[in-house]
């Protein structure tokens, strides 16, 4: 029984480490969106950049709350929130990639 409990902790710790790594990637994406290389070329792209910036800012705040709360709350209770946060990151990352391909702002 103790082995399975330890496995849960390790799994949540692993997920939390992924959230911390994703936090730095989110800041890099925000920096890229603010650079001149990702300037929108038309109205549709302008709207998309606004949505991406808003989404990444919300995700950064959510990830920061998770990281801070992980020290205070039992980690097992955070597993669902961490998984949802990681899924949201993947969605925003895919949208960012699509935007970069649409505007040819990749390098």
N, C-alpha and C. Protein backbone atom coordinates (compact mmCIF):
# COMPACT_ATOMS: atom_id res chain seq x y z
N UNK A 1 0.81 -1.19 0.00
CA UNK A 1 0.00 0.00 0.00
C UNK A 1 0.86 1.26 0.00
N UNK A 2 1.96 1.25 0.74
CA UNK A 2 2.81 2.43 0.80
C UNK A 2 3.49 2.69 -0.55
N UNK A 3 3.77 1.63 -1.29
CA UNK A 3 4.40 1.79 -2.60
C UNK A 3 3.52 2.56 -3.56
N UNK A 4 2.22 2.28 -3.57
CA UNK A 4 1.32 2.99 -4.47
C UNK A 4 1.17 4.45 -4.08
N UNK A 5 1.19 4.74 -2.78
CA UNK A 5 1.13 6.13 -2.32
C UNK A 5 2.37 6.89 -2.77
N UNK A 6 3.52 6.27 -2.65
CA UNK A 6 4.76 6.91 -3.09
C UNK A 6 4.72 7.17 -4.59
N UNK A 7 4.16 6.23 -5.33
CA UNK A 7 4.07 6.38 -6.77
C UNK A 7 3.20 7.59 -7.14
N UNK A 8 2.10 7.79 -6.40
CA UNK A 8 1.25 8.95 -6.66
C UNK A 8 2.02 10.25 -6.41
N UNK A 9 2.77 10.31 -5.32
CA UNK A 9 3.54 11.51 -5.04
C UNK A 9 4.55 11.78 -6.14
N UNK A 10 5.22 10.75 -6.58
CA UNK A 10 6.20 10.92 -7.63
C UNK A 10 5.54 11.41 -8.91
N UNK A 11 4.39 10.87 -9.23
CA UNK A 11 3.69 11.29 -10.43
C UNK A 11 3.28 12.76 -10.34
N UNK A 12 2.75 13.19 -9.22
CA UNK A 12 2.35 14.58 -9.04
C UNK A 12 3.58 15.49 -9.05
N UNK A 13 4.66 15.04 -8.43
CA UNK A 13 5.89 15.83 -8.46
C UNK A 13 6.40 15.98 -9.89
N UNK A 14 6.30 14.92 -10.65
CA UNK A 14 6.72 14.97 -12.05
C UNK A 14 5.86 15.96 -12.83
N UNK A 15 4.56 15.91 -12.62
CA UNK A 15 3.66 16.85 -13.29
C UNK A 15 3.96 18.29 -12.88
N UNK A 16 4.25 18.49 -11.62
CA UNK A 16 4.56 19.83 -11.13
C UNK A 16 5.86 20.35 -11.75
N UNK A 17 6.83 19.47 -11.94
CA UNK A 17 8.07 19.88 -12.60
C UNK A 17 7.79 20.28 -14.05
N UNK A 18 6.88 19.56 -14.71
CA UNK A 18 6.52 19.92 -16.08
C UNK A 18 5.87 21.29 -16.12
N UNK A 19 5.03 21.59 -15.14
CA UNK A 19 4.39 22.91 -15.07
C UNK A 19 5.45 23.99 -14.90
N UNK A 20 6.43 23.75 -14.04
CA UNK A 20 7.49 24.73 -13.83
C UNK A 20 8.30 24.95 -15.11
N UNK A 21 8.58 23.89 -15.85
CA UNK A 21 9.29 24.04 -17.12
C UNK A 21 8.44 24.78 -18.14
N UNK A 22 7.15 24.46 -18.16
CA UNK A 22 6.26 25.13 -19.10
C UNK A 22 6.15 26.62 -18.79
N UNK A 23 6.32 26.99 -17.53
CA UNK A 23 6.23 28.40 -17.14
C UNK A 23 7.27 29.22 -17.90
N UNK A 24 8.49 28.71 -18.01
CA UNK A 24 9.52 29.45 -18.74
C UNK A 24 9.21 29.50 -20.24
N UNK A 25 8.62 28.45 -20.77
CA UNK A 25 8.24 28.44 -22.18
C UNK A 25 7.13 29.45 -22.44
N UNK A 26 6.19 29.56 -21.51
CA UNK A 26 5.10 30.54 -21.64
C UNK A 26 5.67 31.95 -21.72
N UNK A 27 6.65 32.27 -20.87
CA UNK A 27 7.25 33.59 -20.90
C UNK A 27 8.00 33.83 -22.20
N UNK A 28 8.63 32.80 -22.75
CA UNK A 28 9.30 32.94 -24.05
C UNK A 28 8.28 33.21 -25.16
N UNK A 29 7.14 32.51 -25.11
CA UNK A 29 6.09 32.75 -26.11
C UNK A 29 5.55 34.17 -26.00
N UNK A 30 5.34 34.65 -24.79
CA UNK A 30 4.85 36.02 -24.61
C UNK A 30 5.87 37.03 -25.15
N UNK A 31 7.13 36.77 -24.90
CA UNK A 31 8.17 37.66 -25.41
C UNK A 31 8.18 37.64 -26.94
N UNK A 32 8.02 36.46 -27.51
CA UNK A 32 7.99 36.34 -28.98
C UNK A 32 6.78 37.06 -29.57
N UNK A 33 5.62 36.94 -28.91
CA UNK A 33 4.42 37.62 -29.40
C UNK A 33 4.56 39.13 -29.35
N UNK A 34 5.37 39.64 -28.44
CA UNK A 34 5.58 41.08 -28.34
C UNK A 34 6.69 41.58 -29.25
N UNK A 35 7.40 40.69 -29.91
CA UNK A 35 8.49 41.10 -30.78
C UNK A 35 7.96 41.56 -32.14
N UNK A 36 8.78 42.30 -32.85
CA UNK A 36 8.38 42.80 -34.17
C UNK A 36 8.25 41.68 -35.19
N UNK A 37 8.88 40.54 -34.94
CA UNK A 37 8.84 39.42 -35.89
C UNK A 37 7.47 38.76 -35.94
N UNK A 38 6.66 38.96 -34.91
CA UNK A 38 5.32 38.36 -34.87
C UNK A 38 4.22 39.39 -35.04
N UNK A 39 4.54 40.51 -35.66
CA UNK A 39 3.51 41.52 -35.86
C UNK A 39 2.43 40.97 -36.78
N UNK A 40 1.17 41.24 -36.44
CA UNK A 40 0.08 40.75 -37.28
C UNK A 40 0.09 41.42 -38.65
N UNK A 41 -0.30 40.66 -39.65
CA UNK A 41 -0.32 41.20 -41.01
C UNK A 41 -1.71 41.62 -41.45
N UNK A 42 -2.74 41.13 -40.79
CA UNK A 42 -4.10 41.53 -41.12
C UNK A 42 -4.95 41.48 -39.86
N UNK A 43 -6.22 41.81 -40.00
CA UNK A 43 -7.10 41.89 -38.84
C UNK A 43 -7.23 40.54 -38.13
N UNK A 44 -7.37 39.47 -38.90
CA UNK A 44 -7.52 38.14 -38.32
C UNK A 44 -6.31 37.79 -37.46
N UNK A 45 -5.12 38.10 -37.95
CA UNK A 45 -3.91 37.83 -37.18
C UNK A 45 -3.82 38.73 -35.95
N UNK A 46 -4.29 39.98 -36.08
CA UNK A 46 -4.29 40.90 -34.95
C UNK A 46 -5.16 40.35 -33.82
N UNK A 47 -6.33 39.84 -34.18
CA UNK A 47 -7.23 39.25 -33.19
C UNK A 47 -6.60 38.01 -32.57
N UNK A 48 -5.96 37.19 -33.40
CA UNK A 48 -5.33 35.96 -32.91
C UNK A 48 -4.20 36.27 -31.93
N UNK A 49 -3.40 37.30 -32.22
CA UNK A 49 -2.32 37.68 -31.31
C UNK A 49 -2.90 38.12 -29.97
N UNK A 50 -3.97 38.88 -30.01
CA UNK A 50 -4.62 39.31 -28.77
C UNK A 50 -5.12 38.13 -27.96
N UNK A 51 -5.73 37.17 -28.64
CA UNK A 51 -6.22 35.97 -27.95
C UNK A 51 -5.06 35.17 -27.36
N UNK A 52 -4.00 35.01 -28.12
CA UNK A 52 -2.84 34.26 -27.63
C UNK A 52 -2.19 34.93 -26.43
N UNK A 53 -2.02 36.25 -26.50
CA UNK A 53 -1.43 36.97 -25.38
C UNK A 53 -2.29 36.80 -24.13
N UNK A 54 -3.58 36.97 -24.29
CA UNK A 54 -4.50 36.83 -23.16
C UNK A 54 -4.45 35.41 -22.59
N UNK A 55 -4.47 34.43 -23.47
CA UNK A 55 -4.42 33.04 -23.04
C UNK A 55 -3.13 32.70 -22.31
N UNK A 56 -2.00 33.16 -22.83
CA UNK A 56 -0.72 32.87 -22.19
C UNK A 56 -0.59 33.60 -20.85
N UNK A 57 -1.12 34.82 -20.75
CA UNK A 57 -1.07 35.54 -19.47
C UNK A 57 -1.91 34.83 -18.42
N UNK A 58 -3.10 34.37 -18.82
CA UNK A 58 -3.94 33.62 -17.88
C UNK A 58 -3.26 32.32 -17.46
N UNK A 59 -2.67 31.63 -18.42
CA UNK A 59 -1.98 30.37 -18.13
C UNK A 59 -0.80 30.61 -17.20
N UNK A 60 -0.03 31.67 -17.42
CA UNK A 60 1.11 31.97 -16.55
C UNK A 60 0.64 32.22 -15.12
N UNK A 61 -0.45 32.96 -14.96
CA UNK A 61 -0.97 33.22 -13.61
C UNK A 61 -1.46 31.93 -12.96
N UNK A 62 -2.15 31.09 -13.75
CA UNK A 62 -2.65 29.82 -13.22
C UNK A 62 -1.50 28.90 -12.81
N UNK A 63 -0.47 28.84 -13.63
CA UNK A 63 0.68 28.00 -13.30
C UNK A 63 1.40 28.52 -12.06
N UNK A 64 1.51 29.83 -11.94
CA UNK A 64 2.17 30.40 -10.76
C UNK A 64 1.39 30.07 -9.50
N UNK A 65 0.05 30.14 -9.57
CA UNK A 65 -0.78 29.77 -8.42
C UNK A 65 -0.60 28.30 -8.06
N UNK A 66 -0.53 27.44 -9.08
CA UNK A 66 -0.32 26.01 -8.82
C UNK A 66 1.02 25.76 -8.13
N UNK A 67 2.04 26.42 -8.60
CA UNK A 67 3.37 26.22 -8.03
C UNK A 67 3.40 26.68 -6.58
N UNK A 68 2.78 27.82 -6.31
CA UNK A 68 2.76 28.33 -4.94
C UNK A 68 1.87 27.47 -4.03
N UNK A 69 0.72 27.03 -4.55
CA UNK A 69 -0.20 26.23 -3.74
C UNK A 69 0.32 24.82 -3.50
N UNK A 70 1.19 24.34 -4.35
CA UNK A 70 1.72 22.98 -4.18
C UNK A 70 2.52 22.86 -2.89
N UNK A 71 3.05 23.96 -2.44
CA UNK A 71 3.82 23.93 -1.19
C UNK A 71 2.90 23.94 0.02
N UNK A 72 1.68 24.42 -0.15
CA UNK A 72 0.75 24.57 0.98
C UNK A 72 -0.27 23.45 1.06
N UNK A 73 -0.73 22.98 -0.08
CA UNK A 73 -1.82 22.00 -0.14
C UNK A 73 -1.23 20.62 -0.43
N UNK A 74 -1.93 19.59 0.00
CA UNK A 74 -1.52 18.22 -0.32
C UNK A 74 -1.49 18.07 -1.84
N UNK A 75 -0.42 17.54 -2.34
CA UNK A 75 -0.20 17.50 -3.78
C UNK A 75 -1.19 16.61 -4.51
N UNK A 76 -1.73 15.60 -3.84
CA UNK A 76 -2.69 14.72 -4.51
C UNK A 76 -3.93 15.50 -4.94
N UNK A 77 -4.30 16.50 -4.16
CA UNK A 77 -5.49 17.28 -4.47
C UNK A 77 -5.29 18.17 -5.70
N UNK A 78 -4.05 18.47 -6.02
CA UNK A 78 -3.74 19.35 -7.14
C UNK A 78 -3.58 18.62 -8.47
N UNK A 79 -3.60 17.31 -8.47
CA UNK A 79 -3.29 16.57 -9.68
C UNK A 79 -4.24 16.93 -10.83
N UNK A 80 -5.53 17.05 -10.55
CA UNK A 80 -6.49 17.42 -11.59
C UNK A 80 -6.23 18.80 -12.15
N UNK A 81 -5.92 19.75 -11.28
CA UNK A 81 -5.62 21.11 -11.72
C UNK A 81 -4.34 21.16 -12.54
N UNK A 82 -3.35 20.40 -12.11
CA UNK A 82 -2.07 20.37 -12.84
C UNK A 82 -2.28 19.78 -14.23
N UNK A 83 -3.03 18.70 -14.32
CA UNK A 83 -3.30 18.07 -15.61
C UNK A 83 -4.07 19.02 -16.53
N UNK A 84 -5.05 19.73 -15.99
CA UNK A 84 -5.81 20.70 -16.79
C UNK A 84 -4.90 21.83 -17.27
N UNK A 85 -4.00 22.26 -16.43
CA UNK A 85 -3.06 23.32 -16.79
C UNK A 85 -2.12 22.85 -17.91
N UNK A 86 -1.65 21.63 -17.81
CA UNK A 86 -0.77 21.10 -18.86
C UNK A 86 -1.51 20.94 -20.18
N UNK A 87 -2.77 20.52 -20.13
CA UNK A 87 -3.58 20.41 -21.34
C UNK A 87 -3.80 21.78 -21.98
N UNK A 88 -4.06 22.79 -21.15
CA UNK A 88 -4.26 24.15 -21.66
C UNK A 88 -2.98 24.65 -22.32
N UNK A 89 -1.83 24.33 -21.73
CA UNK A 89 -0.55 24.72 -22.32
C UNK A 89 -0.40 24.11 -23.71
N UNK A 90 -0.73 22.83 -23.84
CA UNK A 90 -0.61 22.17 -25.14
C UNK A 90 -1.53 22.80 -26.18
N UNK A 91 -2.74 23.18 -25.78
CA UNK A 91 -3.66 23.84 -26.70
C UNK A 91 -3.10 25.18 -27.17
N UNK A 92 -2.61 25.98 -26.22
CA UNK A 92 -2.06 27.28 -26.58
C UNK A 92 -0.79 27.14 -27.42
N UNK A 93 0.00 26.14 -27.13
CA UNK A 93 1.21 25.91 -27.91
C UNK A 93 0.84 25.57 -29.36
N UNK A 94 -0.17 24.75 -29.55
CA UNK A 94 -0.61 24.41 -30.90
C UNK A 94 -1.15 25.64 -31.62
N UNK A 95 -1.90 26.49 -30.93
CA UNK A 95 -2.41 27.72 -31.53
C UNK A 95 -1.26 28.65 -31.91
N UNK A 96 -0.24 28.72 -31.05
CA UNK A 96 0.93 29.56 -31.32
C UNK A 96 1.66 29.06 -32.56
N UNK A 97 1.84 27.76 -32.65
CA UNK A 97 2.50 27.19 -33.82
C UNK A 97 1.71 27.48 -35.09
N UNK A 98 0.40 27.35 -35.03
CA UNK A 98 -0.45 27.64 -36.18
C UNK A 98 -0.33 29.11 -36.58
N UNK A 99 -0.32 29.99 -35.60
CA UNK A 99 -0.18 31.42 -35.89
C UNK A 99 1.15 31.71 -36.55
N UNK A 100 2.23 31.13 -36.02
CA UNK A 100 3.55 31.37 -36.59
C UNK A 100 3.64 30.86 -38.02
N UNK A 101 3.02 29.74 -38.27
CA UNK A 101 3.03 29.22 -39.65
C UNK A 101 2.18 30.09 -40.57
N UNK A 102 1.07 30.62 -40.07
CA UNK A 102 0.22 31.50 -40.87
C UNK A 102 0.93 32.79 -41.24
N UNK A 103 1.72 33.32 -40.32
CA UNK A 103 2.39 34.60 -40.57
C UNK A 103 3.82 34.43 -41.06
N UNK A 104 4.27 33.20 -41.21
CA UNK A 104 5.64 32.91 -41.64
C UNK A 104 6.66 33.57 -40.73
N UNK A 105 6.40 33.56 -39.42
CA UNK A 105 7.30 34.18 -38.45
C UNK A 105 8.18 33.16 -37.76
N UNK A 106 8.39 32.05 -38.38
CA UNK A 106 9.25 31.04 -37.78
C UNK A 106 10.68 31.27 -38.22
N UNK A 107 11.60 30.72 -37.45
CA UNK A 107 13.02 30.83 -37.82
C UNK A 107 13.78 29.62 -37.48
